[in-house]
Amino acid sequence: VFVGTGVQTLRGIEIYNGKPIFYGLGEFFREAQW
């Protein structure tokens, strides 16, 4: 599996040779106001 993070929004998902590629999973926690 390939897990992409960094960009602060979602990107698409590809299934490549039967393996998932998450090109951008966005922000799970974002306590940036602190």
Full PDB file with SEQRES, HELIX, SHEET, SSBOND, CRYST1, ORIGX, SCALE, CONECT and MASTER records, all heavy atoms in Angstrom:
SEQRES   1 A   34  VAL PHE VAL GLY THR GLY VAL GLN THR LEU ARG GLY ILE          
SEQRES   2 A   34  GLU ILE TYR ASN GLY LYS PRO ILE PHE TYR GLY LEU GLY          
SEQRES   3 A   34  GLU PHE PHE ARG GLU ALA GLN TRP                              
SHEET    1 AA1 3 PHE A   2  VAL A   3  0                                        
SHEET    2 AA1 3 LYS A  19  PHE A  22  1                                        
SHEET    3 AA1 3 ILE A  13  TYR A  16 -1                                        
CRYST1    1.000    1.000    1.000  90.00  90.00  90.00 P 1           1          
ORIGX1      1.000000  0.000000  0.000000        0.00000                         
ORIGX2      0.000000  1.000000  0.000000        0.00000                         
ORIGX3      0.000000  0.000000  1.000000        0.00000                         
SCALE1      1.000000  0.000000  0.000000        0.00000                         
SCALE2      0.000000  1.000000  0.000000        0.00000                         
SCALE3      0.000000  0.000000  1.000000        0.00000                         
ATOM      1  N   VAL A   1       0.856  -1.173   0.000  1.00  0.00           N  
ATOM      2  CA  VAL A   1       0.000   0.000   0.000  1.00  0.00           C  
ATOM      3  C   VAL A   1       0.897   1.229   0.000  1.00  0.00           C  
ATOM      4  O   VAL A   1       2.000   1.214   0.569  1.00  0.00           O  
ATOM      5  CB  VAL A   1      -0.950   0.005   1.227  1.00  0.00           C  
ATOM      6  CG1 VAL A   1      -0.159  -0.024   2.531  1.00  0.00           C  
ATOM      7  CG2 VAL A   1      -1.889   1.200   1.216  1.00  0.00           C  
ATOM      8  N   PHE A   2       0.443   2.301  -0.650  1.00  0.00           N  
ATOM      9  CA  PHE A   2       1.139   3.589  -0.646  1.00  0.00           C  
ATOM     10  C   PHE A   2       0.184   4.608  -0.046  1.00  0.00           C  
ATOM     11  O   PHE A   2      -0.956   4.772  -0.525  1.00  0.00           O  
ATOM     12  CB  PHE A   2       1.524   3.998  -2.070  1.00  0.00           C  
ATOM     13  CG  PHE A   2       2.261   5.307  -2.169  1.00  0.00           C  
ATOM     14  CD1 PHE A   2       3.644   5.337  -2.173  1.00  0.00           C  
ATOM     15  CD2 PHE A   2       1.568   6.516  -2.262  1.00  0.00           C  
ATOM     16  CE1 PHE A   2       4.335   6.539  -2.270  1.00  0.00           C  
ATOM     17  CE2 PHE A   2       2.244   7.724  -2.352  1.00  0.00           C  
ATOM     18  CZ  PHE A   2       3.635   7.732  -2.363  1.00  0.00           C  
ATOM     19  N   VAL A   3       0.632   5.296   1.016  1.00  0.00           N  
ATOM     20  CA  VAL A   3      -0.195   6.270   1.717  1.00  0.00           C  
ATOM     21  C   VAL A   3       0.418   7.654   1.536  1.00  0.00           C  
ATOM     22  O   VAL A   3       1.510   7.926   2.046  1.00  0.00           O  
ATOM     23  CB  VAL A   3      -0.323   5.927   3.211  1.00  0.00           C  
ATOM     24  CG1 VAL A   3      -1.210   6.953   3.915  1.00  0.00           C  
ATOM     25  CG2 VAL A   3      -0.887   4.524   3.396  1.00  0.00           C  
ATOM     26  N   GLY A   4      -0.278   8.523   0.826  1.00  0.00           N  
ATOM     27  CA  GLY A   4       0.191   9.885   0.598  1.00  0.00           C  
ATOM     28  C   GLY A   4      -0.457  10.859   1.566  1.00  0.00           C  
ATOM     29  O   GLY A   4      -1.659  10.798   1.826  1.00  0.00           O  
ATOM     30  N   THR A   5       0.366  11.767   2.113  1.00  0.00           N  
ATOM     31  CA  THR A   5      -0.124  12.827   2.987  1.00  0.00           C  
ATOM     32  C   THR A   5       0.557  14.129   2.563  1.00  0.00           C  
ATOM     33  O   THR A   5       1.389  14.144   1.670  1.00  0.00           O  
ATOM     34  CB  THR A   5       0.179  12.532   4.468  1.00  0.00           C  
ATOM     35  OG1 THR A   5       1.606  12.565   4.675  1.00  0.00           O  
ATOM     36  CG2 THR A   5      -0.343  11.164   4.878  1.00  0.00           C  
ATOM     37  N   GLY A   6       0.200  15.226   3.206  1.00  0.00           N  
ATOM     38  CA  GLY A   6       0.868  16.499   2.929  1.00  0.00           C  
ATOM     39  C   GLY A   6      -0.092  17.565   2.462  1.00  0.00           C  
ATOM     40  O   GLY A   6      -0.281  18.578   3.144  1.00  0.00           O  
ATOM     41  N   VAL A   7      -0.706  17.377   1.291  1.00  0.00           N  
ATOM     42  CA  VAL A   7      -1.679  18.364   0.831  1.00  0.00           C  
ATOM     43  C   VAL A   7      -2.856  18.351   1.800  1.00  0.00           C  
ATOM     44  O   VAL A   7      -3.242  17.297   2.319  1.00  0.00           O  
ATOM     45  CB  VAL A   7      -2.152  18.080  -0.615  1.00  0.00           C  
ATOM     46  CG1 VAL A   7      -1.052  18.381  -1.601  1.00  0.00           C  
ATOM     47  CG2 VAL A   7      -2.649  16.663  -0.777  1.00  0.00           C  
ATOM     48  N   GLN A   8      -3.444  19.509   2.022  1.00  0.00           N  
ATOM     49  CA  GLN A   8      -4.440  19.650   3.078  1.00  0.00           C  
ATOM     50  C   GLN A   8      -5.858  19.478   2.540  1.00  0.00           C  
ATOM     51  O   GLN A   8      -6.799  20.152   2.964  1.00  0.00           O  
ATOM     52  CB  GLN A   8      -4.230  20.989   3.781  1.00  0.00           C  
ATOM     53  CG  GLN A   8      -2.908  20.996   4.538  1.00  0.00           C  
ATOM     54  CD  GLN A   8      -2.370  22.366   4.826  1.00  0.00           C  
ATOM     55  OE1 GLN A   8      -3.126  23.326   4.919  1.00  0.00           O  
ATOM     56  NE2 GLN A   8      -1.058  22.478   4.965  1.00  0.00           N  
ATOM     57  N   THR A   9      -5.970  18.551   1.598  1.00  0.00           N  
ATOM     58  CA  THR A   9      -7.266  18.177   1.045  1.00  0.00           C  
ATOM     59  C   THR A   9      -7.142  16.760   0.515  1.00  0.00           C  
ATOM     60  O   THR A   9      -6.051  16.198   0.468  1.00  0.00           O  
ATOM     61  CB  THR A   9      -7.693  19.154  -0.068  1.00  0.00           C  
ATOM     62  OG1 THR A   9      -9.016  18.843  -0.500  1.00  0.00           O  
ATOM     63  CG2 THR A   9      -6.750  19.070  -1.257  1.00  0.00           C  
ATOM     64  N   LEU A  10      -8.269  16.196   0.125  1.00  0.00           N  
ATOM     65  CA  LEU A  10      -8.265  14.830  -0.390  1.00  0.00           C  
ATOM     66  C   LEU A  10      -7.836  14.783  -1.852  1.00  0.00           C  
ATOM     67  O   LEU A  10      -8.132  15.698  -2.630  1.00  0.00           O  
ATOM     68  CB  LEU A  10      -9.659  14.215  -0.264  1.00  0.00           C  
ATOM     69  CG  LEU A  10     -10.116  13.848   1.148  1.00  0.00           C  
ATOM     70  CD1 LEU A  10     -11.602  13.518   1.144  1.00  0.00           C  
ATOM     71  CD2 LEU A  10      -9.310  12.682   1.694  1.00  0.00           C  
ATOM     72  N   ARG A  11      -7.130  13.701  -2.199  1.00  0.00           N  
ATOM     73  CA  ARG A  11      -6.843  13.365  -3.586  1.00  0.00           C  
ATOM     74  C   ARG A  11      -7.461  11.997  -3.895  1.00  0.00           C  
ATOM     75  O   ARG A  11      -7.883  11.279  -2.997  1.00  0.00           O  
ATOM     76  CB  ARG A  11      -5.337  13.326  -3.828  1.00  0.00           C  
ATOM     77  CG  ARG A  11      -4.700  14.693  -3.972  1.00  0.00           C  
ATOM     78  CD  ARG A  11      -3.201  14.587  -4.122  1.00  0.00           C  
ATOM     79  NE  ARG A  11      -2.610  15.861  -4.533  1.00  0.00           N  
ATOM     80  CZ  ARG A  11      -1.308  16.102  -4.545  1.00  0.00           C  
ATOM     81  NH1 ARG A  11      -0.459  15.159  -4.156  1.00  0.00           N  
ATOM     82  NH2 ARG A  11      -0.850  17.268  -4.938  1.00  0.00           N  
ATOM     83  N   GLY A  12      -7.477  11.654  -5.170  1.00  0.00           N  
ATOM     84  CA  GLY A  12      -8.085  10.412  -5.593  1.00  0.00           C  
ATOM     85  C   GLY A  12      -7.310   9.181  -5.146  1.00  0.00           C  
ATOM     86  O   GLY A  12      -6.168   9.249  -4.686  1.00  0.00           O  
ATOM     87  N   ILE A  13      -7.968   8.025  -5.306  1.00  0.00           N  
ATOM     88  CA  ILE A  13      -7.416   6.725  -4.942  1.00  0.00           C  
ATOM     89  C   ILE A  13      -7.265   5.898  -6.208  1.00  0.00           C  
ATOM     90  O   ILE A  13      -8.171   5.869  -7.048  1.00  0.00           O  
ATOM     91  CB  ILE A  13      -8.345   6.010  -3.942  1.00  0.00           C  
ATOM     92  CG1 ILE A  13      -8.513   6.853  -2.672  1.00  0.00           C  
ATOM     93  CG2 ILE A  13      -7.813   4.621  -3.596  1.00  0.00           C  
ATOM     94  CD1 ILE A  13      -9.649   6.392  -1.779  1.00  0.00           C  
ATOM     95  N   GLU A  14      -6.136   5.225  -6.336  1.00  0.00           N  
ATOM     96  CA  GLU A  14      -5.893   4.331  -7.462  1.00  0.00           C  
ATOM     97  C   GLU A  14      -5.669   2.918  -6.933  1.00  0.00           C  
ATOM     98  O   GLU A  14      -5.028   2.731  -5.897  1.00  0.00           O  
ATOM     99  CB  GLU A  14      -4.670   4.787  -8.260  1.00  0.00           C  
ATOM    100  CG  GLU A  14      -4.359   3.905  -9.467  1.00  0.00           C  
ATOM    101  CD  GLU A  14      -3.093   4.312 -10.208  1.00  0.00           C  
ATOM    102  OE1 GLU A  14      -2.303   5.117  -9.664  1.00  0.00           O  
ATOM    103  OE2 GLU A  14      -2.898   3.821 -11.332  1.00  0.00           O  
ATOM    104  N   ILE A  15      -6.192   1.931  -7.645  1.00  0.00           N  
ATOM    105  CA  ILE A  15      -5.864   0.532  -7.376  1.00  0.00           C  
ATOM    106  C   ILE A  15      -4.900   0.109  -8.473  1.00  0.00           C  
ATOM    107  O   ILE A  15      -5.273   0.000  -9.642  1.00  0.00           O  
ATOM    108  CB  ILE A  15      -7.113  -0.370  -7.366  1.00  0.00           C  
ATOM    109  CG1 ILE A  15      -8.162   0.181  -6.397  1.00  0.00           C  
ATOM    110  CG2 ILE A  15      -6.725  -1.800  -7.002  1.00  0.00           C  
ATOM    111  CD1 ILE A  15      -7.710   0.283  -4.952  1.00  0.00           C  
ATOM    112  N   TYR A  16      -3.642  -0.081  -8.102  1.00  0.00           N  
ATOM    113  CA  TYR A  16      -2.572  -0.380  -9.060  1.00  0.00           C  
ATOM    114  C   TYR A  16      -2.060  -1.788  -8.804  1.00  0.00           C  
ATOM    115  O   TYR A  16      -1.562  -2.084  -7.709  1.00  0.00           O  
ATOM    116  CB  TYR A  16      -1.447   0.654  -8.903  1.00  0.00           C  
ATOM    117  CG  TYR A  16      -0.204   0.354  -9.707  1.00  0.00           C  
ATOM    118  CD1 TYR A  16      -0.189   0.525 -11.087  1.00  0.00           C  
ATOM    119  CD2 TYR A  16       0.952  -0.099  -9.082  1.00  0.00           C  
ATOM    120  CE1 TYR A  16       0.958   0.251 -11.829  1.00  0.00           C  
ATOM    121  CE2 TYR A  16       2.105  -0.367  -9.803  1.00  0.00           C  
ATOM    122  CZ  TYR A  16       2.099  -0.189 -11.176  1.00  0.00           C  
ATOM    123  OH  TYR A  16       3.239  -0.463 -11.898  1.00  0.00           O  
ATOM    124  N   ASN A  17      -2.195  -2.647  -9.786  1.00  0.00           N  
ATOM    125  CA  ASN A  17      -1.779  -4.053  -9.637  1.00  0.00           C  
ATOM    126  C   ASN A  17      -2.362  -4.689  -8.382  1.00  0.00           C  
ATOM    127  O   ASN A  17      -1.695  -5.439  -7.662  1.00  0.00           O  
ATOM    128  CB  ASN A  17      -0.252  -4.176  -9.635  1.00  0.00           C  
ATOM    129  CG  ASN A  17       0.359  -3.893 -10.998  1.00  0.00           C  
ATOM    130  OD1 ASN A  17      -0.339  -3.890 -12.013  1.00  0.00           O  
ATOM    131  ND2 ASN A  17       1.655  -3.659 -11.032  1.00  0.00           N  
ATOM    132  N   GLY A  18      -3.618  -4.340  -8.110  1.00  0.00           N  
ATOM    133  CA  GLY A  18      -4.299  -4.908  -6.952  1.00  0.00           C  
ATOM    134  C   GLY A  18      -3.914  -4.300  -5.626  1.00  0.00           C  
ATOM    135  O   GLY A  18      -4.318  -4.813  -4.569  1.00  0.00           O  
ATOM    136  N   LYS A  19      -3.153  -3.197  -5.620  1.00  0.00           N  
ATOM    137  CA  LYS A  19      -2.698  -2.548  -4.380  1.00  0.00           C  
ATOM    138  C   LYS A  19      -3.278  -1.125  -4.317  1.00  0.00           C  
ATOM    139  O   LYS A  19      -3.299  -0.414  -5.323  1.00  0.00           O  
ATOM    140  CB  LYS A  19      -1.166  -2.479  -4.333  1.00  0.00           C  
ATOM    141  CG  LYS A  19      -0.450  -3.814  -4.609  1.00  0.00           C  
ATOM    142  CD  LYS A  19      -0.655  -4.820  -3.506  1.00  0.00           C  
ATOM    143  CE  LYS A  19       0.054  -6.133  -3.812  1.00  0.00           C  
ATOM    144  NZ  LYS A  19       1.523  -6.017  -3.836  1.00  0.00           N  
ATOM    145  N   PRO A  20      -3.708  -0.682  -3.136  1.00  0.00           N  
ATOM    146  CA  PRO A  20      -4.281   0.662  -3.029  1.00  0.00           C  
ATOM    147  C   PRO A  20      -3.206   1.747  -2.945  1.00  0.00           C  
ATOM    148  O   PRO A  20      -2.198   1.592  -2.250  1.00  0.00           O  
ATOM    149  CB  PRO A  20      -5.092   0.601  -1.735  1.00  0.00           C  
ATOM    150  CG  PRO A  20      -4.396  -0.430  -0.909  1.00  0.00           C  
ATOM    151  CD  PRO A  20      -3.799  -1.428  -1.869  1.00  0.00           C  
ATOM    152  N   ILE A  21      -3.444   2.833  -3.668  1.00  0.00           N  
ATOM    153  CA  ILE A  21      -2.604   4.031  -3.589  1.00  0.00           C  
ATOM    154  C   ILE A  21      -3.499   5.193  -3.182  1.00  0.00           C  
ATOM    155  O   ILE A  21      -4.430   5.557  -3.907  1.00  0.00           O  
ATOM    156  CB  ILE A  21      -1.916   4.336  -4.929  1.00  0.00           C  
ATOM    157  CG1 ILE A  21      -0.963   3.197  -5.325  1.00  0.00           C  
ATOM    158  CG2 ILE A  21      -1.153   5.657  -4.845  1.00  0.00           C  
ATOM    159  CD1 ILE A  21      -0.335   3.378  -6.704  1.00  0.00           C  
ATOM    160  N   PHE A  22      -3.227   5.738  -2.008  1.00  0.00           N  
ATOM    161  CA  PHE A  22      -3.949   6.917  -1.519  1.00  0.00           C  
ATOM    162  C   PHE A  22      -3.062   8.131  -1.784  1.00  0.00           C  
ATOM    163  O   PHE A  22      -2.077   8.351  -1.077  1.00  0.00           O  
ATOM    164  CB  PHE A  22      -4.250   6.767  -0.023  1.00  0.00           C  
ATOM    165  CG  PHE A  22      -5.022   5.515   0.319  1.00  0.00           C  
ATOM    166  CD1 PHE A  22      -4.377   4.409   0.862  1.00  0.00           C  
ATOM    167  CD2 PHE A  22      -6.383   5.440   0.076  1.00  0.00           C  
ATOM    168  CE1 PHE A  22      -5.071   3.248   1.171  1.00  0.00           C  
ATOM    169  CE2 PHE A  22      -7.098   4.283   0.382  1.00  0.00           C  
ATOM    170  CZ  PHE A  22      -6.442   3.180   0.920  1.00  0.00           C  
ATOM    171  N   TYR A  23      -3.402   8.912  -2.794  1.00  0.00           N  
ATOM    172  CA  TYR A  23      -2.528  10.018  -3.187  1.00  0.00           C  
ATOM    173  C   TYR A  23      -2.616  11.211  -2.238  1.00  0.00           C  
ATOM    174  O   TYR A  23      -1.745  12.074  -2.266  1.00  0.00           O  
ATOM    175  CB  TYR A  23      -2.843  10.453  -4.616  1.00  0.00           C  
ATOM    176  CG  TYR A  23      -2.307   9.488  -5.652  1.00  0.00           C  
ATOM    177  CD1 TYR A  23      -3.156   8.669  -6.382  1.00  0.00           C  
ATOM    178  CD2 TYR A  23      -0.937   9.369  -5.874  1.00  0.00           C  
ATOM    179  CE1 TYR A  23      -2.657   7.778  -7.327  1.00  0.00           C  
ATOM    180  CE2 TYR A  23      -0.427   8.490  -6.810  1.00  0.00           C  
ATOM    181  CZ  TYR A  23      -1.296   7.691  -7.528  1.00  0.00           C  
ATOM    182  OH  TYR A  23      -0.790   6.811  -8.448  1.00  0.00           O  
ATOM    183  N   GLY A  24      -3.623  11.255  -1.404  1.00  0.00           N  
ATOM    184  CA  GLY A  24      -3.709  12.323  -0.417  1.00  0.00           C  
ATOM    185  C   GLY A  24      -4.891  12.093   0.495  1.00  0.00           C  
ATOM    186  O   GLY A  24      -6.043  12.129   0.044  1.00  0.00           O  
ATOM    187  N   LEU A  25      -4.630  11.831   1.778  1.00  0.00           N  
ATOM    188  CA  LEU A  25      -5.707  11.546   2.725  1.00  0.00           C  
ATOM    189  C   LEU A  25      -6.057  12.754   3.591  1.00  0.00           C  
ATOM    190  O   LEU A  25      -6.800  12.620   4.563  1.00  0.00           O  
ATOM    191  CB  LEU A  25      -5.330  10.340   3.596  1.00  0.00           C  
ATOM    192  CG  LEU A  25      -5.460   8.979   2.896  1.00  0.00           C  
ATOM    193  CD1 LEU A  25      -4.975   7.852   3.802  1.00  0.00           C  
ATOM    194  CD2 LEU A  25      -6.888   8.720   2.447  1.00  0.00           C  
ATOM    195  N   GLY A  26      -5.531  13.933   3.245  1.00  0.00           N  
ATOM    196  CA  GLY A  26      -5.933  15.141   3.948  1.00  0.00           C  
ATOM    197  C   GLY A  26      -5.502  15.162   5.402  1.00  0.00           C  
ATOM    198  O   GLY A  26      -4.457  14.647   5.782  1.00  0.00           O  
ATOM    199  N   GLU A  27      -6.346  15.778   6.244  1.00  0.00           N  
ATOM    200  CA  GLU A  27      -6.015  16.043   7.639  1.00  0.00           C  
ATOM    201  C   GLU A  27      -6.930  15.235   8.554  1.00  0.00           C  
ATOM    202  O   GLU A  27      -8.157  15.421   8.529  1.00  0.00           O  
ATOM    203  CB  GLU A  27      -6.194  17.529   7.948  1.00  0.00           C  
ATOM    204  CG  GLU A  27      -5.508  18.464   6.958  1.00  0.00           C  
ATOM    205  CD  GLU A  27      -4.058  18.731   7.302  1.00  0.00           C  
ATOM    206  OE1 GLU A  27      -3.234  17.814   7.078  1.00  0.00           O  
ATOM    207  OE2 GLU A  27      -3.755  19.821   7.788  1.00  0.00           O  
ATOM    208  N   PHE A  28      -6.373  14.362   9.365  1.00  0.00           N  
ATOM    209  CA  PHE A  28      -7.180  13.603  10.320  1.00  0.00           C  
ATOM    210  C   PHE A  28      -7.377  14.424  11.595  1.00  0.00           C  
ATOM    211  O   PHE A  28      -8.498  14.567  12.082  1.00  0.00           O  
ATOM    212  CB  PHE A  28      -6.511  12.268  10.627  1.00  0.00           C  
ATOM    213  CG  PHE A  28      -7.355  11.375  11.495  1.00  0.00           C  
ATOM    214  CD1 PHE A  28      -8.615  10.964  11.066  1.00  0.00           C  
ATOM    215  CD2 PHE A  28      -6.910  10.942  12.741  1.00  0.00           C  
ATOM    216  CE1 PHE A  28      -9.414  10.139  11.866  1.00  0.00           C  
ATOM    217  CE2 PHE A  28      -7.690  10.120  13.543  1.00  0.00           C  
ATOM    218  CZ  PHE A  28      -8.952   9.715  13.104  1.00  0.00           C  
ATOM    219  N   PHE A  29      -6.308  14.922  12.191  1.00  0.00           N  
ATOM    220  CA  PHE A  29      -6.384  15.953  13.236  1.00  0.00           C  
ATOM    221  C   PHE A  29      -5.829  17.244  12.639  1.00  0.00           C  
ATOM    222  O   PHE A  29      -4.860  17.209  11.873  1.00  0.00           O  
ATOM    223  CB  PHE A  29      -5.531  15.582  14.460  1.00  0.00           C  
ATOM    224  CG  PHE A  29      -6.231  14.757  15.492  1.00  0.00           C  
ATOM    225  CD1 PHE A  29      -6.281  13.377  15.379  1.00  0.00           C  
ATOM    226  CD2 PHE A  29      -6.840  15.351  16.593  1.00  0.00           C  
ATOM    227  CE1 PHE A  29      -6.907  12.599  16.339  1.00  0.00           C  
ATOM    228  CE2 PHE A  29      -7.471  14.579  17.564  1.00  0.00           C  
ATOM    229  CZ  PHE A  29      -7.504  13.195  17.431  1.00  0.00           C  
ATOM    230  N   ARG A  30      -6.430  18.383  13.006  1.00  0.00           N  
ATOM    231  CA  ARG A  30      -5.911  19.667  12.523  1.00  0.00           C  
ATOM    232  C   ARG A  30      -6.146  20.735  13.602  1.00  0.00           C  
ATOM    233  O   ARG A  30      -6.931  21.667  13.436  1.00  0.00           O  
ATOM    234  CB  ARG A  30      -6.575  20.063  11.201  1.00  0.00           C  
ATOM    235  CG  ARG A  30      -5.991  21.317  10.550  1.00  0.00           C  
ATOM    236  CD  ARG A  30      -6.707  21.617   9.226  1.00  0.00           C  
ATOM    237  NE  ARG A  30      -6.381  22.924   8.711  1.00  0.00           N  
ATOM    238  CZ  ARG A  30      -5.285  23.233   8.045  1.00  0.00           C  
ATOM    239  NH1 ARG A  30      -4.377  22.309   7.813  1.00  0.00           N  
ATOM    240  NH2 ARG A  30      -5.085  24.456   7.605  1.00  0.00           N  
ATOM    241  N   GLU A  31      -5.460  20.580  14.723  1.00  0.00           N  
ATOM    242  CA  GLU A  31      -5.581  21.555  15.805  1.00  0.00           C  
ATOM    243  C   GLU A  31      -4.585  22.696  15.565  1.00  0.00           C  
ATOM    244  O   GLU A  31      -3.716  22.978  16.397  1.00  0.00           O  
ATOM    245  CB  GLU A  31      -5.352  20.861  17.148  1.00  0.00           C  
ATOM    246  CG  GLU A  31      -6.464  19.858  17.468  1.00  0.00           C  
ATOM    247  CD  GLU A  31      -6.300  19.214  18.825  1.00  0.00           C  
ATOM    248  OE1 GLU A  31      -5.248  18.596  19.081  1.00  0.00           O  
ATOM    249  OE2 GLU A  31      -7.242  19.326  19.639  1.00  0.00           O  
ATOM    250  N   ALA A  32      -4.757  23.343  14.419  1.00  0.00           N  
ATOM    251  CA  ALA A  32      -3.819  24.380  13.991  1.00  0.00           C  
ATOM    252  C   ALA A  32      -4.125  25.741  14.595  1.00  0.00           C  
ATOM    253  O   ALA A  32      -3.348  26.687  14.416  1.00  0.00           O  
ATOM    254  CB  ALA A  32      -3.823  24.480  12.458  1.00  0.00           C  
ATOM    255  N   GLN A  33      -5.250  25.868  15.308  1.00  0.00           N  
ATOM    256  CA  GLN A  33      -5.592  27.155  15.919  1.00  0.00           C  
ATOM    257  C   GLN A  33      -4.757  27.445  17.162  1.00  0.00           C  
ATOM    258  O   GLN A  33      -4.694  28.573  17.626  1.00  0.00           O  
ATOM    259  CB  GLN A  33      -7.087  27.181  16.268  1.00  0.00           C  
ATOM    260  CG  GLN A  33      -7.497  26.360  17.495  1.00  0.00           C  
ATOM    261  CD  GLN A  33      -7.712  24.890  17.172  1.00  0.00           C  
ATOM    262  OE1 GLN A  33      -7.259  24.396  16.160  1.00  0.00           O  
ATOM    263  NE2 GLN A  33      -8.423  24.184  18.042  1.00  0.00           N  
ATOM    264  N   TRP A  34      -4.101  26.419  17.698  1.00  0.00           N  
ATOM    265  CA  TRP A  34      -3.279  26.604  18.896  1.00  0.00           C  
ATOM    266  C   TRP A  34      -2.003  27.381  18.543  1.00  0.00           C  
ATOM    267  O   TRP A  34      -1.325  27.073  17.568  1.00  0.00           O  
ATOM    268  CB  TRP A  34      -2.857  25.259  19.462  1.00  0.00           C  
ATOM    269  CG  TRP A  34      -3.932  24.493  20.159  1.00  0.00           C  
ATOM    270  CD1 TRP A  34      -5.012  23.911  19.575  1.00  0.00           C  
ATOM    271  CD2 TRP A  34      -4.021  24.220  21.553  1.00  0.00           C  
ATOM    272  NE1 TRP A  34      -5.775  23.272  20.514  1.00  0.00           N  
ATOM    273  CE2 TRP A  34      -5.190  23.437  21.746  1.00  0.00           C  
ATOM    274  CE3 TRP A  34      -3.228  24.532  22.648  1.00  0.00           C  
ATOM    275  CZ2 TRP A  34      -5.586  22.982  22.997  1.00  0.00           C  
ATOM    276  CZ3 TRP A  34      -3.617  24.078  23.907  1.00  0.00           C  
ATOM    277  CH2 TRP A  34      -4.783  23.321  24.077  1.00  0.00           C  
TER     278      TRP A  34                                                      
MASTER        0    0    0    0    3    0    0    6  277    1    0    3          
END                                                                             
